[in-house]
N, C-alpha and C. Protein backbone atom coordinates (compact mmCIF):
# COMPACT_ATOMS: atom_id res chain seq x y z
N MET A 1 -6.19 2.83 13.21
CA MET A 1 -4.93 3.28 12.65
C MET A 1 -4.89 4.81 12.69
N ALA A 2 -3.68 5.33 12.86
CA ALA A 2 -3.51 6.78 12.88
C ALA A 2 -2.10 7.10 12.41
N SER A 3 -1.84 8.37 12.16
CA SER A 3 -0.51 8.77 11.72
C SER A 3 -0.12 10.10 12.36
N PHE A 4 1.19 10.34 12.44
CA PHE A 4 1.74 11.58 12.96
C PHE A 4 1.19 11.88 14.36
N GLU A 5 0.96 13.17 14.66
CA GLU A 5 0.48 13.54 15.99
C GLU A 5 -0.98 13.14 16.20
N ALA A 6 -1.69 12.78 15.13
CA ALA A 6 -3.07 12.30 15.27
C ALA A 6 -3.13 11.01 16.07
N GLY A 7 -1.98 10.33 16.17
CA GLY A 7 -1.92 9.12 16.99
C GLY A 7 -2.25 9.38 18.44
N LEU A 8 -2.01 10.60 18.93
CA LEU A 8 -2.34 10.92 20.32
C LEU A 8 -3.84 10.90 20.54
N ALA A 9 -4.59 11.43 19.57
CA ALA A 9 -6.05 11.36 19.67
C ALA A 9 -6.51 9.91 19.58
N ALA A 10 -5.81 9.12 18.75
CA ALA A 10 -6.16 7.70 18.61
C ALA A 10 -5.90 6.95 19.91
N VAL A 11 -4.87 7.34 20.64
CA VAL A 11 -4.60 6.71 21.94
C VAL A 11 -5.77 6.93 22.89
N ARG A 12 -6.25 8.17 22.96
CA ARG A 12 -7.39 8.46 23.84
C ARG A 12 -8.63 7.71 23.39
N LEU A 13 -8.86 7.66 22.09
CA LEU A 13 -10.03 6.97 21.56
C LEU A 13 -9.92 5.46 21.79
N ALA A 14 -8.71 4.93 21.66
CA ALA A 14 -8.52 3.49 21.85
C ALA A 14 -8.87 3.09 23.28
N VAL A 15 -8.51 3.92 24.24
CA VAL A 15 -8.84 3.62 25.64
C VAL A 15 -10.34 3.74 25.86
N GLU A 16 -10.92 4.82 25.34
CA GLU A 16 -12.36 5.06 25.52
C GLU A 16 -13.20 3.96 24.89
N LYS A 17 -12.83 3.52 23.70
CA LYS A 17 -13.63 2.53 22.97
C LYS A 17 -13.16 1.10 23.20
N ARG A 18 -12.14 0.94 24.05
CA ARG A 18 -11.59 -0.40 24.34
C ARG A 18 -11.17 -1.11 23.05
N ALA A 19 -10.37 -0.43 22.30
CA ALA A 19 -9.87 -0.98 21.03
C ALA A 19 -9.04 -2.23 21.28
N HIS A 20 -8.93 -3.05 20.25
CA HIS A 20 -8.15 -4.29 20.35
C HIS A 20 -6.69 -4.08 19.98
N SER A 21 -6.41 -3.06 19.17
CA SER A 21 -5.04 -2.79 18.75
C SER A 21 -4.96 -1.39 18.17
N LEU A 22 -3.73 -0.92 18.02
CA LEU A 22 -3.50 0.40 17.44
C LEU A 22 -2.28 0.33 16.54
N VAL A 23 -2.41 0.85 15.32
CA VAL A 23 -1.28 0.97 14.39
C VAL A 23 -1.02 2.47 14.21
N TRP A 24 0.21 2.89 14.48
CA TRP A 24 0.56 4.31 14.48
C TRP A 24 1.70 4.53 13.49
N PHE A 25 1.42 5.23 12.40
CA PHE A 25 2.42 5.51 11.38
C PHE A 25 3.18 6.80 11.72
N SER A 26 4.50 6.78 11.51
CA SER A 26 5.37 7.94 11.70
C SER A 26 5.04 8.66 13.01
N PRO A 27 5.20 7.97 14.14
CA PRO A 27 4.68 8.51 15.40
C PRO A 27 5.62 9.51 16.08
N TYR A 28 5.03 10.41 16.83
CA TYR A 28 5.76 11.21 17.82
C TYR A 28 4.75 11.68 18.84
N ALA A 29 5.17 11.73 20.10
CA ALA A 29 4.28 12.10 21.19
C ALA A 29 4.76 13.34 21.92
N ARG A 30 5.77 14.00 21.36
CA ARG A 30 6.26 15.24 21.96
C ARG A 30 7.02 16.03 20.91
N ALA A 31 7.12 17.32 21.13
CA ALA A 31 7.92 18.18 20.26
C ALA A 31 9.16 18.59 21.05
N ASP A 32 10.27 17.93 20.79
CA ASP A 32 11.51 18.30 21.45
C ASP A 32 12.20 19.41 20.66
N ALA A 33 13.39 19.80 21.08
CA ALA A 33 14.09 20.91 20.43
C ALA A 33 14.37 20.62 18.96
N ALA A 34 14.70 19.39 18.63
CA ALA A 34 15.01 19.04 17.25
C ALA A 34 13.78 19.13 16.35
N LEU A 35 12.66 18.61 16.83
CA LEU A 35 11.43 18.67 16.03
C LEU A 35 10.96 20.13 15.89
N ARG A 36 11.08 20.90 16.96
CA ARG A 36 10.69 22.31 16.86
C ARG A 36 11.57 23.07 15.89
N ALA A 37 12.84 22.71 15.81
CA ALA A 37 13.74 23.36 14.85
C ALA A 37 13.30 23.07 13.42
N ARG A 38 12.88 21.85 13.16
CA ARG A 38 12.40 21.51 11.82
C ARG A 38 11.08 22.22 11.51
N VAL A 39 10.23 22.32 12.52
CA VAL A 39 8.96 23.02 12.35
C VAL A 39 9.21 24.50 12.05
N ARG A 40 10.15 25.10 12.75
CA ARG A 40 10.45 26.52 12.52
C ARG A 40 11.04 26.74 11.13
N ALA A 41 11.85 25.79 10.67
CA ALA A 41 12.40 25.91 9.31
C ALA A 41 11.28 25.86 8.28
N LEU A 42 10.32 24.99 8.49
CA LEU A 42 9.18 24.90 7.58
C LEU A 42 8.31 26.17 7.65
N ALA A 43 8.15 26.70 8.87
CA ALA A 43 7.36 27.92 9.02
C ALA A 43 8.04 29.09 8.31
N TRP A 44 9.35 29.17 8.43
CA TRP A 44 10.09 30.23 7.72
C TRP A 44 9.93 30.08 6.21
N ALA A 45 10.05 28.84 5.73
CA ALA A 45 9.90 28.60 4.29
C ALA A 45 8.51 28.97 3.81
N LEU A 46 7.49 28.67 4.61
CA LEU A 46 6.12 29.01 4.25
C LEU A 46 5.93 30.52 4.20
N GLU A 47 6.47 31.21 5.19
CA GLU A 47 6.32 32.67 5.24
C GLU A 47 7.09 33.34 4.10
N ALA A 48 8.27 32.81 3.79
CA ALA A 48 9.11 33.43 2.77
C ALA A 48 8.67 33.08 1.35
N GLY A 49 8.21 31.86 1.15
CA GLY A 49 7.93 31.41 -0.22
C GLY A 49 6.57 30.80 -0.44
N GLY A 50 5.68 30.92 0.53
CA GLY A 50 4.35 30.35 0.37
C GLY A 50 4.40 28.82 0.30
N ALA A 51 3.36 28.24 -0.29
CA ALA A 51 3.29 26.79 -0.38
C ALA A 51 4.46 26.22 -1.17
N GLU A 52 4.92 26.94 -2.20
CA GLU A 52 6.05 26.46 -3.01
C GLU A 52 7.33 26.43 -2.18
N GLY A 53 7.55 27.45 -1.36
CA GLY A 53 8.72 27.46 -0.50
C GLY A 53 8.66 26.36 0.55
N PHE A 54 7.46 26.16 1.12
CA PHE A 54 7.27 25.08 2.08
C PHE A 54 7.62 23.74 1.45
N ALA A 55 7.10 23.50 0.25
CA ALA A 55 7.31 22.22 -0.41
C ALA A 55 8.79 21.98 -0.69
N ARG A 56 9.50 23.03 -1.06
CA ARG A 56 10.92 22.88 -1.38
C ARG A 56 11.72 22.42 -0.16
N VAL A 57 11.41 23.00 0.99
CA VAL A 57 12.11 22.62 2.22
C VAL A 57 11.59 21.29 2.75
N ALA A 58 10.29 21.03 2.59
CA ALA A 58 9.67 19.84 3.17
C ALA A 58 10.02 18.56 2.43
N ARG A 59 10.23 18.64 1.13
CA ARG A 59 10.50 17.43 0.34
C ARG A 59 11.54 16.51 0.97
N PRO A 60 12.77 17.00 1.26
CA PRO A 60 13.77 16.09 1.82
C PRO A 60 13.50 15.71 3.28
N LEU A 61 12.62 16.45 3.96
CA LEU A 61 12.26 16.10 5.33
C LEU A 61 11.19 15.02 5.37
N PHE A 62 10.27 15.06 4.41
CA PHE A 62 9.10 14.20 4.45
C PHE A 62 9.24 12.91 3.64
N PHE A 63 10.05 12.92 2.58
CA PHE A 63 10.05 11.78 1.66
C PHE A 63 11.40 11.07 1.62
N GLY A 64 11.33 9.76 1.40
CA GLY A 64 12.52 8.94 1.29
C GLY A 64 13.11 8.98 -0.12
N GLY A 65 14.24 8.32 -0.26
CA GLY A 65 14.99 8.35 -1.50
C GLY A 65 14.24 7.83 -2.71
N LEU A 66 13.46 6.77 -2.54
CA LEU A 66 12.74 6.20 -3.68
C LEU A 66 11.74 7.20 -4.27
N MET A 67 11.00 7.86 -3.40
CA MET A 67 10.02 8.83 -3.88
C MET A 67 10.71 10.04 -4.50
N LEU A 68 11.76 10.51 -3.87
CA LEU A 68 12.46 11.68 -4.38
C LEU A 68 13.11 11.39 -5.73
N ASP A 69 13.53 10.15 -5.93
CA ASP A 69 14.22 9.78 -7.16
C ASP A 69 13.27 9.48 -8.31
N ARG A 70 12.10 8.87 -7.99
CA ARG A 70 11.26 8.34 -9.06
C ARG A 70 9.79 8.70 -8.95
N GLY A 71 9.42 9.52 -8.02
CA GLY A 71 7.99 9.78 -7.82
C GLY A 71 7.58 11.20 -8.10
N GLU A 72 8.11 11.81 -9.14
CA GLU A 72 7.85 13.22 -9.41
C GLU A 72 6.36 13.51 -9.59
N ASP A 73 5.62 12.63 -10.25
CA ASP A 73 4.19 12.87 -10.45
C ASP A 73 3.44 12.90 -9.12
N LEU A 74 3.78 11.97 -8.22
CA LEU A 74 3.12 11.94 -6.91
C LEU A 74 3.52 13.14 -6.07
N LEU A 75 4.78 13.53 -6.15
CA LEU A 75 5.22 14.70 -5.41
C LEU A 75 4.52 15.96 -5.92
N ALA A 76 4.35 16.05 -7.24
CA ALA A 76 3.64 17.19 -7.81
C ALA A 76 2.19 17.23 -7.33
N ALA A 77 1.55 16.06 -7.22
CA ALA A 77 0.17 15.99 -6.73
C ALA A 77 0.10 16.42 -5.27
N TRP A 78 1.09 16.00 -4.48
CA TRP A 78 1.15 16.40 -3.07
C TRP A 78 1.29 17.92 -2.96
N GLU A 79 2.19 18.49 -3.74
CA GLU A 79 2.42 19.93 -3.69
C GLU A 79 1.18 20.71 -4.13
N ALA A 80 0.45 20.18 -5.11
CA ALA A 80 -0.73 20.88 -5.61
C ALA A 80 -1.82 20.98 -4.54
N GLY A 81 -1.81 20.06 -3.59
CA GLY A 81 -2.83 20.07 -2.54
C GLY A 81 -2.48 20.89 -1.32
N LEU A 82 -1.32 21.50 -1.28
CA LEU A 82 -0.89 22.27 -0.11
C LEU A 82 -1.61 23.62 -0.07
N GLU A 83 -2.13 23.97 1.09
CA GLU A 83 -2.80 25.25 1.29
C GLU A 83 -2.10 26.01 2.42
N PRO A 84 -1.65 27.24 2.17
CA PRO A 84 -0.89 27.99 3.17
C PRO A 84 -1.59 28.10 4.53
N GLU A 85 -2.89 28.35 4.54
CA GLU A 85 -3.60 28.52 5.81
C GLU A 85 -3.57 27.23 6.63
N GLY A 86 -3.84 26.11 5.97
CA GLY A 86 -3.80 24.84 6.67
C GLY A 86 -2.41 24.47 7.16
N LEU A 87 -1.40 24.75 6.35
CA LEU A 87 -0.03 24.48 6.74
C LEU A 87 0.37 25.32 7.95
N ALA A 88 -0.01 26.59 7.94
CA ALA A 88 0.32 27.47 9.06
C ALA A 88 -0.33 26.99 10.35
N ALA A 89 -1.58 26.55 10.26
CA ALA A 89 -2.29 26.05 11.45
C ALA A 89 -1.63 24.79 11.98
N TRP A 90 -1.24 23.89 11.06
CA TRP A 90 -0.59 22.64 11.48
C TRP A 90 0.75 22.93 12.14
N LEU A 91 1.54 23.83 11.57
CA LEU A 91 2.85 24.16 12.13
C LEU A 91 2.72 24.79 13.51
N ALA A 92 1.71 25.67 13.69
CA ALA A 92 1.49 26.30 14.99
C ALA A 92 1.09 25.27 16.04
N ALA A 93 0.24 24.33 15.66
CA ALA A 93 -0.19 23.29 16.60
C ALA A 93 0.98 22.39 16.99
N LEU A 94 1.82 22.08 16.02
CA LEU A 94 2.96 21.22 16.30
C LEU A 94 3.99 21.93 17.16
N GLU A 95 4.17 23.22 16.92
CA GLU A 95 5.08 24.03 17.74
C GLU A 95 4.63 24.03 19.20
N ALA A 96 3.31 23.99 19.42
CA ALA A 96 2.75 24.04 20.77
C ALA A 96 2.65 22.67 21.44
N LEU A 97 2.96 21.61 20.70
CA LEU A 97 2.84 20.26 21.26
C LEU A 97 3.82 20.08 22.42
N GLY A 98 3.30 19.64 23.55
CA GLY A 98 4.15 19.38 24.70
C GLY A 98 4.62 17.95 24.72
N ASP A 99 4.87 17.44 25.92
CA ASP A 99 5.28 16.05 26.07
C ASP A 99 4.06 15.23 26.48
N GLU A 100 3.57 14.43 25.54
CA GLU A 100 2.34 13.66 25.77
C GLU A 100 2.61 12.17 25.97
N ARG A 101 3.84 11.82 26.26
CA ARG A 101 4.17 10.39 26.36
C ARG A 101 3.43 9.70 27.50
N LYS A 102 3.05 10.44 28.53
CA LYS A 102 2.33 9.82 29.65
C LYS A 102 1.03 9.18 29.20
N GLN A 103 0.43 9.73 28.16
CA GLN A 103 -0.82 9.14 27.65
C GLN A 103 -0.63 7.68 27.28
N LEU A 104 0.56 7.33 26.85
CA LEU A 104 0.80 5.97 26.39
C LEU A 104 0.69 4.95 27.52
N ARG A 105 0.85 5.40 28.75
CA ARG A 105 0.76 4.49 29.90
C ARG A 105 -0.66 3.98 30.10
N THR A 106 -1.64 4.62 29.47
CA THR A 106 -3.03 4.19 29.61
C THR A 106 -3.34 2.99 28.72
N LEU A 107 -2.43 2.63 27.84
CA LEU A 107 -2.70 1.57 26.87
C LEU A 107 -2.34 0.19 27.43
N LYS A 108 -2.92 -0.16 28.54
CA LYS A 108 -2.66 -1.46 29.15
C LYS A 108 -3.39 -2.55 28.38
N ASP A 109 -2.71 -3.66 28.16
CA ASP A 109 -3.27 -4.82 27.44
C ASP A 109 -3.65 -4.49 26.01
N LEU A 110 -3.12 -3.40 25.46
CA LEU A 110 -3.43 -3.03 24.09
C LEU A 110 -2.15 -3.09 23.25
N PRO A 111 -2.07 -4.01 22.31
CA PRO A 111 -0.87 -4.06 21.46
C PRO A 111 -0.82 -2.87 20.51
N VAL A 112 0.34 -2.27 20.40
CA VAL A 112 0.52 -1.08 19.56
C VAL A 112 1.70 -1.33 18.62
N MET A 113 1.45 -1.17 17.32
CA MET A 113 2.53 -1.27 16.35
C MET A 113 2.82 0.12 15.81
N THR A 114 4.06 0.56 15.94
CA THR A 114 4.47 1.82 15.33
C THR A 114 5.23 1.49 14.06
N VAL A 115 4.91 2.24 13.00
CA VAL A 115 5.50 2.01 11.68
C VAL A 115 6.21 3.29 11.26
N VAL A 116 7.47 3.18 10.91
CA VAL A 116 8.24 4.37 10.55
C VAL A 116 9.05 4.09 9.30
N GLY A 117 9.14 5.09 8.44
CA GLY A 117 10.00 4.97 7.27
C GLY A 117 11.46 4.98 7.68
N ALA A 118 12.24 4.10 7.13
CA ALA A 118 13.65 4.02 7.49
C ALA A 118 14.40 5.30 7.17
N GLU A 119 13.86 6.11 6.26
CA GLU A 119 14.52 7.36 5.86
C GLU A 119 13.72 8.59 6.30
N ASP A 120 12.95 8.44 7.37
CA ASP A 120 12.17 9.56 7.89
C ASP A 120 13.11 10.56 8.56
N VAL A 121 13.22 11.75 8.01
CA VAL A 121 14.07 12.80 8.56
C VAL A 121 13.27 13.70 9.50
N PHE A 122 11.99 13.91 9.20
CA PHE A 122 11.18 14.81 10.01
C PHE A 122 10.94 14.25 11.40
N ALA A 123 10.57 12.99 11.49
CA ALA A 123 10.36 12.32 12.78
C ALA A 123 11.18 11.04 12.79
N PRO A 124 12.46 11.13 13.08
CA PRO A 124 13.36 9.98 12.96
C PRO A 124 13.00 8.81 13.86
N MET A 125 13.74 7.74 13.68
CA MET A 125 13.47 6.47 14.35
C MET A 125 13.38 6.59 15.87
N ARG A 126 14.13 7.49 16.45
CA ARG A 126 14.15 7.56 17.92
C ARG A 126 12.78 7.92 18.49
N TYR A 127 11.96 8.66 17.74
CA TYR A 127 10.61 8.95 18.22
C TYR A 127 9.78 7.68 18.28
N ALA A 128 9.92 6.83 17.27
CA ALA A 128 9.20 5.56 17.27
C ALA A 128 9.68 4.66 18.40
N HIS A 129 10.99 4.67 18.68
CA HIS A 129 11.50 3.90 19.81
C HIS A 129 10.91 4.40 21.12
N GLU A 130 10.78 5.72 21.25
CA GLU A 130 10.17 6.28 22.46
C GLU A 130 8.75 5.77 22.65
N ILE A 131 7.97 5.80 21.58
CA ILE A 131 6.58 5.32 21.67
C ILE A 131 6.56 3.88 22.13
N THR A 132 7.36 3.05 21.48
CA THR A 132 7.39 1.62 21.79
C THR A 132 7.79 1.38 23.25
N GLU A 133 8.78 2.14 23.74
CA GLU A 133 9.26 1.94 25.10
C GLU A 133 8.26 2.39 26.16
N TRP A 134 7.40 3.34 25.81
CA TRP A 134 6.42 3.84 26.79
C TRP A 134 5.14 3.00 26.83
N ILE A 135 4.96 2.10 25.89
CA ILE A 135 3.78 1.22 25.92
C ILE A 135 3.94 0.24 27.08
N PRO A 136 2.93 0.12 27.95
CA PRO A 136 3.07 -0.76 29.13
C PRO A 136 3.23 -2.23 28.75
N GLU A 137 3.90 -2.94 29.62
CA GLU A 137 3.98 -4.40 29.58
C GLU A 137 4.54 -4.94 28.26
N LEU A 138 5.43 -4.19 27.64
CA LEU A 138 6.11 -4.62 26.42
C LEU A 138 5.12 -4.99 25.31
N HIS A 139 4.02 -4.27 25.24
CA HIS A 139 3.02 -4.54 24.21
C HIS A 139 3.22 -3.68 22.96
N GLY A 140 4.39 -3.09 22.82
CA GLY A 140 4.68 -2.28 21.65
C GLY A 140 5.65 -2.99 20.71
N ILE A 141 5.47 -2.78 19.42
CA ILE A 141 6.35 -3.36 18.42
C ILE A 141 6.64 -2.28 17.37
N LEU A 142 7.87 -2.27 16.89
CA LEU A 142 8.30 -1.27 15.92
C LEU A 142 8.62 -1.95 14.59
N VAL A 143 8.08 -1.40 13.51
CA VAL A 143 8.33 -1.92 12.16
C VAL A 143 8.81 -0.77 11.29
N THR A 144 9.82 -1.03 10.47
CA THR A 144 10.32 0.00 9.56
C THR A 144 10.02 -0.38 8.12
N LEU A 145 9.82 0.65 7.28
CA LEU A 145 9.60 0.45 5.86
C LEU A 145 10.82 0.99 5.11
N ASP A 146 11.54 0.12 4.45
CA ASP A 146 12.75 0.51 3.74
C ASP A 146 12.44 1.49 2.62
N GLY A 147 13.33 2.45 2.43
CA GLY A 147 13.22 3.38 1.31
C GLY A 147 12.18 4.46 1.48
N ALA A 148 11.42 4.42 2.58
CA ALA A 148 10.33 5.37 2.78
C ALA A 148 10.73 6.42 3.81
N GLY A 149 10.07 7.57 3.72
CA GLY A 149 10.30 8.65 4.66
C GLY A 149 9.13 8.82 5.61
N HIS A 150 8.78 10.09 5.90
CA HIS A 150 7.74 10.39 6.87
C HIS A 150 6.36 9.95 6.39
N PHE A 151 6.13 10.00 5.08
CA PHE A 151 4.85 9.58 4.52
C PHE A 151 4.95 8.13 4.04
N SER A 152 5.44 7.26 4.89
CA SER A 152 5.73 5.87 4.51
C SER A 152 4.51 5.15 3.95
N PHE A 153 3.33 5.41 4.49
CA PHE A 153 2.12 4.73 4.04
C PHE A 153 1.72 5.17 2.64
N TRP A 154 2.18 6.32 2.20
CA TRP A 154 1.89 6.82 0.87
C TRP A 154 3.00 6.43 -0.10
N GLU A 155 4.21 6.39 0.41
CA GLU A 155 5.35 6.04 -0.42
C GLU A 155 5.41 4.55 -0.74
N ASN A 156 5.01 3.73 0.21
CA ASN A 156 5.05 2.29 0.03
C ASN A 156 3.73 1.70 0.53
N PRO A 157 2.62 1.99 -0.17
CA PRO A 157 1.30 1.62 0.34
C PRO A 157 1.07 0.12 0.44
N ARG A 158 1.62 -0.65 -0.50
CA ARG A 158 1.36 -2.10 -0.46
C ARG A 158 1.91 -2.72 0.82
N GLU A 159 3.15 -2.39 1.15
CA GLU A 159 3.74 -2.96 2.36
C GLU A 159 3.09 -2.39 3.61
N ALA A 160 2.76 -1.10 3.59
CA ALA A 160 2.12 -0.49 4.75
C ALA A 160 0.78 -1.15 5.05
N VAL A 161 -0.03 -1.35 4.01
CA VAL A 161 -1.33 -1.99 4.20
C VAL A 161 -1.17 -3.44 4.65
N SER A 162 -0.19 -4.12 4.10
CA SER A 162 0.03 -5.53 4.44
C SER A 162 0.36 -5.71 5.91
N ILE A 163 1.30 -4.92 6.41
CA ILE A 163 1.69 -5.11 7.81
C ILE A 163 0.61 -4.61 8.76
N ALA A 164 -0.10 -3.54 8.39
CA ALA A 164 -1.18 -3.05 9.25
C ALA A 164 -2.30 -4.08 9.31
N HIS A 165 -2.67 -4.63 8.15
CA HIS A 165 -3.72 -5.65 8.13
C HIS A 165 -3.33 -6.87 8.95
N GLY A 166 -2.07 -7.31 8.79
CA GLY A 166 -1.62 -8.47 9.55
C GLY A 166 -1.68 -8.24 11.04
N PHE A 167 -1.29 -7.06 11.47
CA PHE A 167 -1.30 -6.76 12.90
C PHE A 167 -2.72 -6.62 13.44
N ILE A 168 -3.58 -5.95 12.70
CA ILE A 168 -4.96 -5.74 13.16
C ILE A 168 -5.71 -7.06 13.27
N THR A 169 -5.53 -7.92 12.28
CA THR A 169 -6.31 -9.17 12.26
C THR A 169 -5.71 -10.27 13.13
N ARG A 170 -4.41 -10.15 13.46
CA ARG A 170 -3.77 -11.23 14.21
C ARG A 170 -2.99 -10.70 15.40
N HIS A 171 -3.50 -9.62 16.01
CA HIS A 171 -2.77 -9.01 17.11
C HIS A 171 -2.62 -9.93 18.32
N ARG A 172 -3.56 -10.85 18.51
CA ARG A 172 -3.47 -11.74 19.67
C ARG A 172 -2.25 -12.65 19.59
N GLU A 173 -1.83 -12.98 18.38
CA GLU A 173 -0.61 -13.77 18.24
C GLU A 173 0.59 -12.99 18.75
N PHE A 174 0.54 -11.67 18.59
CA PHE A 174 1.62 -10.84 19.10
C PHE A 174 1.65 -10.90 20.62
N LEU A 175 0.47 -10.84 21.27
CA LEU A 175 0.40 -10.89 22.72
C LEU A 175 0.87 -12.25 23.25
N ASP A 176 0.60 -13.31 22.50
CA ASP A 176 0.94 -14.66 22.96
C ASP A 176 2.39 -15.04 22.69
N GLY A 177 3.06 -14.33 21.79
CA GLY A 177 4.43 -14.69 21.47
C GLY A 177 4.90 -13.99 20.23
N PRO A 178 5.84 -14.59 19.50
CA PRO A 178 6.37 -13.95 18.28
C PRO A 178 5.26 -13.67 17.27
N ALA A 179 5.38 -12.55 16.62
CA ALA A 179 4.38 -12.17 15.61
C ALA A 179 4.67 -12.91 14.32
N GLU A 180 4.10 -14.10 14.18
CA GLU A 180 4.42 -14.96 13.04
C GLU A 180 3.98 -14.36 11.71
N TRP A 181 3.00 -13.44 11.74
CA TRP A 181 2.52 -12.86 10.49
C TRP A 181 3.62 -12.11 9.76
N GLN A 182 4.66 -11.70 10.48
CA GLN A 182 5.75 -10.98 9.82
C GLN A 182 6.55 -11.88 8.88
N ASP A 183 6.45 -13.19 9.10
CA ASP A 183 7.24 -14.13 8.30
C ASP A 183 6.45 -14.74 7.16
N GLU A 184 5.22 -14.26 6.93
CA GLU A 184 4.41 -14.83 5.86
C GLU A 184 5.07 -14.59 4.50
N PRO A 185 5.13 -15.62 3.64
CA PRO A 185 5.70 -15.40 2.30
C PRO A 185 4.81 -14.49 1.48
N GLU A 186 5.42 -13.71 0.62
CA GLU A 186 4.66 -12.82 -0.25
C GLU A 186 3.98 -13.64 -1.35
N ALA A 187 2.82 -13.18 -1.74
CA ALA A 187 2.08 -13.87 -2.80
C ALA A 187 2.87 -13.79 -4.11
N GLU A 188 2.71 -14.82 -4.94
CA GLU A 188 3.39 -14.82 -6.23
C GLU A 188 2.86 -13.68 -7.10
N GLU A 189 3.75 -13.13 -7.89
CA GLU A 189 3.41 -12.04 -8.80
C GLU A 189 2.78 -10.87 -8.05
N ALA A 190 3.36 -10.55 -6.89
CA ALA A 190 2.86 -9.42 -6.12
C ALA A 190 3.10 -8.13 -6.88
N PRO A 191 2.22 -7.14 -6.72
CA PRO A 191 2.43 -5.86 -7.41
C PRO A 191 3.67 -5.17 -6.87
N PRO A 192 4.22 -4.26 -7.62
CA PRO A 192 5.42 -3.56 -7.15
C PRO A 192 5.12 -2.83 -5.86
N PRO A 193 6.13 -2.65 -4.98
CA PRO A 193 5.89 -2.05 -3.67
C PRO A 193 5.56 -0.58 -3.71
N LEU A 194 5.75 0.08 -4.84
CA LEU A 194 5.48 1.51 -4.94
C LEU A 194 4.42 1.77 -5.99
N ARG A 195 3.74 2.89 -5.89
CA ARG A 195 2.69 3.21 -6.84
C ARG A 195 3.25 3.58 -8.22
N PHE A 196 4.48 4.06 -8.22
CA PHE A 196 5.09 4.38 -9.50
C PHE A 196 6.07 3.28 -9.85
N ASP A 197 6.39 3.12 -11.13
CA ASP A 197 7.28 2.06 -11.56
C ASP A 197 8.70 2.38 -11.16
N PRO A 198 9.32 1.53 -10.33
CA PRO A 198 10.71 1.78 -9.95
C PRO A 198 11.66 1.32 -11.07
N GLU A 199 11.80 2.15 -12.08
CA GLU A 199 12.63 1.77 -13.22
C GLU A 199 14.09 1.67 -12.80
N ALA A 200 14.80 0.78 -13.46
CA ALA A 200 16.22 0.63 -13.17
C ALA A 200 16.96 1.89 -13.60
N PRO A 201 17.99 2.26 -12.82
CA PRO A 201 18.77 3.44 -13.21
C PRO A 201 19.35 3.30 -14.61
N LYS A 202 19.38 4.39 -15.36
CA LYS A 202 19.91 4.35 -16.71
C LYS A 202 21.39 4.68 -16.70
């Protein structure tokens, strides 16, 4: 499993190690003009306001509505862990990212599931569609997580873990036909889909 641009390293590793499957969260394999514009906005915010300025601009780019509405404690924890030096290095690396989609052609006979938050603004759905379309022999599948943004695996961990586990353990069913694991009924009294209590609006 991998996320963001780290999925490109996972692609190379999957080929080298002859992996059986790959799950890629919030994927992108190139920095086009739109992604670079978002990166530059974040870089400006970091330079002008430090980690606090970065967080202010990044919040609506990285997180979906559920987290923004009800996850203040988790957002505060995320912001507390931001370090200007690391953010600057990440933004510079992303700015320099070229078009790496050709790497995906090496994933022959390897099923790949891309998972994207339905409300991901930083790396919208079209990037995930690109990944899926470049996987050879129609071995790519795209799954969305409702209410989640770019950090979908953190915003909705129960569903993210469930679909990743189902794909990893039963990927051969995907190669043979419909992925039946997607239709499995949820266990009774399942925990809430988010780490924080989604209280009803007052």
